[in-house]
Amino acid sequence: MPQLDTSTWLLVIFLMVMALFCVYQLKMLNQKMISILPQNNITPTIKTLLPWEKKWTKIYLPHSSHLQF
């Protein structure tokens, strides 16, 4: 009974792994990946100013909380 020739197995396994890696890379090339971190290219929301936000108003302390100098 002849022996099994295993001299080319290392080459076959190495080429198979390389081929699977290339196929995986080609498949992942067209996939849209979800980012965990927020991206800066998100359009900012436009905040509308209310009438009382357009002008500066002075805020006074209540009478009971005068600061003691």
N, C-alpha and C. Protein backbone atom coordinates (compact mmCIF):
# COMPACT_ATOMS: atom_id res chain seq x y z
N MET A 1 0.84 -1.18 0.00
CA MET A 1 0.00 0.00 0.00
C MET A 1 0.89 1.25 0.00
N PRO A 2 0.68 2.19 -0.93
CA PRO A 2 1.55 3.37 -1.01
C PRO A 2 1.27 4.36 0.11
N GLN A 3 2.30 5.10 0.49
CA GLN A 3 2.14 6.12 1.53
C GLN A 3 1.54 7.40 0.93
N LEU A 4 0.85 8.14 1.78
CA LEU A 4 0.24 9.41 1.36
C LEU A 4 1.32 10.48 1.32
N ASP A 5 1.43 11.16 0.20
CA ASP A 5 2.44 12.22 0.04
C ASP A 5 1.91 13.50 0.67
N THR A 6 2.53 13.93 1.78
CA THR A 6 2.08 15.13 2.49
C THR A 6 3.01 16.32 2.28
N SER A 7 3.91 16.23 1.33
CA SER A 7 4.89 17.30 1.14
C SER A 7 4.26 18.59 0.61
N THR A 8 3.15 18.51 -0.09
CA THR A 8 2.53 19.71 -0.66
C THR A 8 1.40 20.26 0.20
N TRP A 9 1.09 19.63 1.32
CA TRP A 9 -0.03 20.09 2.14
C TRP A 9 0.18 21.50 2.69
N LEU A 10 1.38 21.81 3.10
CA LEU A 10 1.66 23.14 3.64
C LEU A 10 1.40 24.20 2.57
N LEU A 11 1.82 23.95 1.36
CA LEU A 11 1.59 24.90 0.28
C LEU A 11 0.10 25.03 -0.03
N VAL A 12 -0.61 23.92 -0.05
CA VAL A 12 -2.05 23.96 -0.34
C VAL A 12 -2.80 24.72 0.75
N ILE A 13 -2.48 24.48 2.00
CA ILE A 13 -3.15 25.17 3.11
C ILE A 13 -2.83 26.66 3.07
N PHE A 14 -1.58 27.01 2.81
CA PHE A 14 -1.18 28.41 2.74
C PHE A 14 -1.91 29.13 1.60
N LEU A 15 -1.98 28.52 0.43
CA LEU A 15 -2.67 29.14 -0.71
C LEU A 15 -4.18 29.24 -0.45
N MET A 16 -4.75 28.26 0.24
CA MET A 16 -6.17 28.32 0.56
C MET A 16 -6.46 29.48 1.52
N VAL A 17 -5.62 29.67 2.51
CA VAL A 17 -5.81 30.77 3.46
C VAL A 17 -5.67 32.11 2.74
N MET A 18 -4.70 32.22 1.87
CA MET A 18 -4.53 33.47 1.11
C MET A 18 -5.73 33.74 0.21
N ALA A 19 -6.26 32.71 -0.44
CA ALA A 19 -7.42 32.88 -1.31
C ALA A 19 -8.65 33.28 -0.51
N LEU A 20 -8.85 32.66 0.66
CA LEU A 20 -9.98 33.04 1.50
C LEU A 20 -9.86 34.47 1.99
N PHE A 21 -8.64 34.88 2.32
CA PHE A 21 -8.41 36.26 2.75
C PHE A 21 -8.74 37.24 1.62
N CYS A 22 -8.32 36.92 0.40
CA CYS A 22 -8.60 37.80 -0.74
C CYS A 22 -10.10 37.87 -1.02
N VAL A 23 -10.79 36.76 -0.96
CA VAL A 23 -12.24 36.76 -1.18
C VAL A 23 -12.94 37.56 -0.09
N TYR A 24 -12.50 37.42 1.15
CA TYR A 24 -13.09 38.17 2.26
C TYR A 24 -12.87 39.67 2.06
N GLN A 25 -11.66 40.06 1.66
CA GLN A 25 -11.38 41.47 1.45
C GLN A 25 -12.23 42.04 0.32
N LEU A 26 -12.41 41.29 -0.75
CA LEU A 26 -13.24 41.77 -1.86
C LEU A 26 -14.70 41.89 -1.45
N LYS A 27 -15.18 40.99 -0.62
CA LYS A 27 -16.56 41.09 -0.15
C LYS A 27 -16.73 42.28 0.80
N MET A 28 -15.77 42.50 1.66
CA MET A 28 -15.87 43.59 2.64
C MET A 28 -15.65 44.96 2.00
N LEU A 29 -15.10 44.98 0.81
CA LEU A 29 -14.85 46.25 0.13
C LEU A 29 -16.14 46.98 -0.17
N ASN A 30 -17.21 46.25 -0.43
CA ASN A 30 -18.49 46.87 -0.79
C ASN A 30 -19.44 47.03 0.38
N GLN A 31 -19.03 46.65 1.57
CA GLN A 31 -19.90 46.75 2.74
C GLN A 31 -19.76 48.11 3.39
N LYS A 32 -20.88 48.64 3.89
CA LYS A 32 -20.84 49.89 4.65
C LYS A 32 -20.70 49.54 6.12
N MET A 33 -19.63 49.97 6.72
CA MET A 33 -19.37 49.65 8.11
C MET A 33 -20.03 50.68 9.01
N ILE A 34 -20.57 50.23 10.12
CA ILE A 34 -21.20 51.13 11.09
C ILE A 34 -20.11 51.64 12.02
N SER A 35 -20.05 52.92 12.14
CA SER A 35 -19.04 53.54 12.99
C SER A 35 -19.57 53.71 14.40
N ILE A 36 -18.75 53.41 15.39
CA ILE A 36 -19.16 53.57 16.78
C ILE A 36 -19.00 55.03 17.19
N LEU A 37 -17.94 55.66 16.75
CA LEU A 37 -17.70 57.05 17.09
C LEU A 37 -18.52 57.96 16.18
N PRO A 38 -19.03 59.08 16.70
CA PRO A 38 -19.78 59.99 15.83
C PRO A 38 -18.85 60.66 14.83
N GLN A 39 -19.39 60.89 13.66
CA GLN A 39 -18.58 61.51 12.61
C GLN A 39 -18.89 62.99 12.54
N ASN A 40 -17.92 63.76 12.06
CA ASN A 40 -18.07 65.21 12.00
C ASN A 40 -18.88 65.67 10.79
N ASN A 41 -19.15 64.80 9.85
CA ASN A 41 -19.84 65.24 8.65
C ASN A 41 -21.36 65.21 8.80
N ILE A 42 -21.86 65.04 10.00
CA ILE A 42 -23.30 65.07 10.25
C ILE A 42 -23.75 66.53 10.16
N THR A 43 -24.82 66.79 9.44
CA THR A 43 -25.28 68.16 9.28
C THR A 43 -25.82 68.69 10.60
N PRO A 44 -25.39 69.87 10.99
CA PRO A 44 -25.87 70.42 12.27
C PRO A 44 -27.32 70.87 12.14
N THR A 45 -28.04 70.75 13.23
CA THR A 45 -29.43 71.20 13.24
C THR A 45 -29.45 72.71 13.39
N ILE A 46 -30.35 73.34 12.68
CA ILE A 46 -30.45 74.80 12.72
C ILE A 46 -31.37 75.18 13.88
N LYS A 47 -30.83 75.98 14.78
CA LYS A 47 -31.61 76.40 15.94
C LYS A 47 -32.26 77.74 15.63
N THR A 48 -33.56 77.79 15.78
CA THR A 48 -34.27 79.05 15.57
C THR A 48 -34.27 79.83 16.87
N LEU A 49 -33.99 81.10 16.75
CA LEU A 49 -33.96 81.96 17.93
C LEU A 49 -35.36 82.44 18.27
N LEU A 50 -35.68 82.35 19.53
CA LEU A 50 -36.95 82.86 20.02
C LEU A 50 -36.79 84.36 20.26
N PRO A 51 -37.89 85.10 20.31
CA PRO A 51 -37.76 86.57 20.45
C PRO A 51 -36.97 86.99 21.69
N TRP A 52 -37.13 86.28 22.80
CA TRP A 52 -36.40 86.67 24.01
C TRP A 52 -34.95 86.21 23.99
N GLU A 53 -34.56 85.39 23.02
CA GLU A 53 -33.16 84.98 22.93
C GLU A 53 -32.35 85.91 22.05
N LYS A 54 -33.02 86.80 21.32
CA LYS A 54 -32.32 87.68 20.39
C LYS A 54 -31.64 88.84 21.11
N LYS A 55 -32.15 89.24 22.25
CA LYS A 55 -31.56 90.38 22.95
C LYS A 55 -31.02 89.95 24.30
N TRP A 56 -30.05 90.70 24.78
CA TRP A 56 -29.43 90.40 26.05
C TRP A 56 -30.27 91.01 27.15
N THR A 57 -30.53 90.26 28.17
CA THR A 57 -31.27 90.79 29.33
C THR A 57 -30.43 90.56 30.58
N LYS A 58 -30.50 91.54 31.46
CA LYS A 58 -29.74 91.44 32.70
C LYS A 58 -30.56 90.64 33.70
N ILE A 59 -29.88 89.72 34.39
CA ILE A 59 -30.55 88.90 35.39
C ILE A 59 -30.14 89.41 36.76
N TYR A 60 -31.12 89.73 37.58
CA TYR A 60 -30.85 90.24 38.91
C TYR A 60 -30.98 89.13 39.93
N LEU A 61 -30.24 89.29 41.02
CA LEU A 61 -30.38 88.36 42.13
C LEU A 61 -31.66 88.70 42.90
N PRO A 62 -32.32 87.73 43.44
CA PRO A 62 -33.49 88.04 44.28
C PRO A 62 -33.06 88.85 45.51
N HIS A 63 -34.00 89.57 46.11
CA HIS A 63 -33.68 90.45 47.24
C HIS A 63 -33.17 89.68 48.44
N SER A 64 -33.58 88.47 48.59
CA SER A 64 -33.20 87.72 49.77
C SER A 64 -31.78 87.15 49.67
N SER A 65 -31.17 87.22 48.53
CA SER A 65 -29.85 86.61 48.40
C SER A 65 -28.78 87.65 48.04
N HIS A 66 -28.78 88.79 48.76
CA HIS A 66 -27.75 89.80 48.51
C HIS A 66 -26.39 89.24 48.92
N LEU A 67 -25.43 89.57 48.13
CA LEU A 67 -24.08 89.15 48.47
C LEU A 67 -23.50 90.12 49.50
N GLN A 68 -22.87 89.59 50.52
CA GLN A 68 -22.26 90.40 51.57
C GLN A 68 -20.81 90.60 51.24
N PHE A 69 -20.41 91.86 51.07
CA PHE A 69 -19.00 92.16 50.78
C PHE A 69 -18.27 92.60 51.99
